[in-house]
């Protein structure tokens, strides 16, 4: 099996987008992760659902402080609306590890294990996203080696 067999189409968003843009795109595209690109189309980071929540809750709040701050539905609603125009560059994840089409399945598995990754972007040799290996793709790698 080659890496392209477990790669799905990426859902891409510009680094100039907002939290509202990202949420709308996730809902429309039925995805939990967006790949963020710069104006040249190069991968800069990713936005997951967890990152969206980070964009709503101030970064200096831990879990208990956030619960206290947002313990009422109207407070959470206000925080979500206030965060709508927050640039995704403010809360996107940048500690991502991309692979290329010539990365082997063993290398993908090694990255998933060593870095506890449940998904990985696939980029071309110029760093532009061309695909995404999702949790489903990682399960296929395990299945391939289990059933050999």
Foldseek 3Di string as FASTA:
>chain_A
DFPVVQWDFAAEDEQQAFLQVVVVSCVVVVHQKYFYAYPVQATQFMAGPVLSVCLLAPVVDDPVRSCVQCVDPVSSVVSNVVRGGPRSVVRTDRPADAAERPDGLVNVLVCCVVVVDQKHFYAYPVRHTGTMRHNVSNVVSVVVVVVD
